[in-house]
C-alpha atoms as a PDB file:
ATOM      1  CA  MET A   1      -1.068 -11.856  -4.490  1.00  0.00           C
ATOM      2  CA  ARG A   2      -3.019 -12.653  -7.575  1.00  0.00           C
ATOM      3  CA  THR A   3      -5.997 -10.368  -7.130  1.00  0.00           C
ATOM      4  CA  LYS A   4      -6.313  -6.635  -6.734  1.00  0.00           C
ATOM      5  CA  ALA A   5      -8.334  -7.169  -3.544  1.00  0.00           C
ATOM      6  CA  GLY A   6      -5.617  -9.411  -2.145  1.00  0.00           C
ATOM      7  CA  ARG A   7      -2.872  -6.893  -2.909  1.00  0.00           C
ATOM      8  CA  LYS A   8      -4.962  -4.114  -1.388  1.00  0.00           C
ATOM      9  CA  ARG A   9      -5.574  -6.136   1.777  1.00  0.00           C
ATOM     10  CA  ARG A  10      -1.818  -6.849   2.145  1.00  0.00           C
ATOM     11  CA  LEU A  11      -0.975  -3.159   1.707  1.00  0.00           C
ATOM     12  CA  GLU A  12      -3.628  -2.124   4.232  1.00  0.00           C
ATOM     13  CA  ASP A  13      -2.344  -4.722   6.722  1.00  0.00           C
ATOM     14  CA  ALA A  14       1.224  -3.482   6.228  1.00  0.00           C
ATOM     15  CA  LEU A  15       0.120   0.117   6.812  1.00  0.00           C
ATOM     16  CA  ALA A  16      -1.679  -0.810  10.024  1.00  0.00           C
ATOM     17  CA  ALA A  17       1.326  -2.772  11.316  1.00  0.00           C
ATOM     18  CA  LEU A  18       3.718   0.038  10.451  1.00  0.00           C
ATOM     19  CA  LYS A  19       1.609   2.672  12.187  1.00  0.00           C
ATOM     20  CA  ALA A  20       1.473   0.501  15.331  1.00  0.00           C
ATOM     21  CA  ASP A  21       5.240  -0.149  15.319  1.00  0.00           C
ATOM     22  CA  GLU A  22       7.956   1.727  17.212  1.00  0.00           C
ATOM     23  CA  VAL A  23       9.747   2.822  14.028  1.00  0.00           C
ATOM     24  CA  SER A  24      11.371   6.266  13.987  1.00  0.00           C
ATOM     25  CA  ASP A  25       9.022   8.958  12.691  1.00  0.00           C
ATOM     26  CA  GLU A  26      11.117   9.867   9.647  1.00  0.00           C
ATOM     27  CA  LEU A  27      11.470   6.289   8.424  1.00  0.00           C
ATOM     28  CA  GLN A  28       7.861   5.522   9.262  1.00  0.00           C
ATOM     29  CA  GLN A  29       6.586   8.507   7.271  1.00  0.00           C
ATOM     30  CA  GLU A  30       8.576   7.420   4.223  1.00  0.00           C
ATOM     31  CA  GLN A  31       7.285   3.848   4.419  1.00  0.00           C
ATOM     32  CA  VAL A  32       3.695   5.011   4.988  1.00  0.00           C
ATOM     33  CA  LYS A  33       3.972   7.220   1.893  1.00  0.00           C
ATOM     34  CA  TRP A  34       5.181   4.275  -0.232  1.00  0.00           C
ATOM     35  CA  LEU A  35       2.320   2.071   0.946  1.00  0.00           C
ATOM     36  CA  GLU A  36      -0.317   4.785   0.517  1.00  0.00           C
ATOM     37  CA  ASP A  37       1.004   5.517  -2.996  1.00  0.00           C
ATOM     38  CA  ALA A  38       0.719   1.818  -3.838  1.00  0.00           C
ATOM     39  CA  LEU A  39      -2.868   1.752  -2.542  1.00  0.00           C
ATOM     40  CA  ARG A  40      -3.778   4.817  -4.619  1.00  0.00           C
ATOM     41  CA  GLU A  41      -2.256   3.174  -7.676  1.00  0.00           C
ATOM     42  CA  LEU A  42      -4.388   0.073  -7.114  1.00  0.00           C
ATOM     43  CA  ASP A  43      -7.525   2.183  -6.702  1.00  0.00           C
ATOM     44  CA  ALA A  44      -6.834   4.386  -9.729  1.00  0.00           C
ATOM     45  CA  PRO A  45      -8.730   3.563 -12.916  1.00  0.00           C
ATOM     46  CA  ALA A  46      -6.661   1.483 -15.288  1.00  0.00           C
ATOM     47  CA  GLU A  47      -5.262   3.643 -18.068  1.00  0.00           C
ATOM     48  CA  GLY A  48      -4.297   1.218 -20.783  1.00  0.00           C
ATOM     49  CA  LYS A  49      -2.849  -1.194 -18.229  1.00  0.00           C
ATOM     50  CA  MET A  50      -3.550  -4.879 -18.374  1.00  0.00           C
ATOM     51  CA  THR A  51      -4.396  -6.307 -14.955  1.00  0.00           C
ATOM     52  CA  SER A  52      -4.676  -9.863 -13.780  1.00  0.00           C
END
């Protein structure tokens, strides 16, 4: 994805799919955490980072 909005939409879609899947709770929780962390990172104010 080239835009922040596009990356955010992909992460949100992945989270929704994961939560609807029949994945074991332990694995699912770990994957949800990774995706939520990535979303928070996208939403955080840029601190000296160059973004495209």
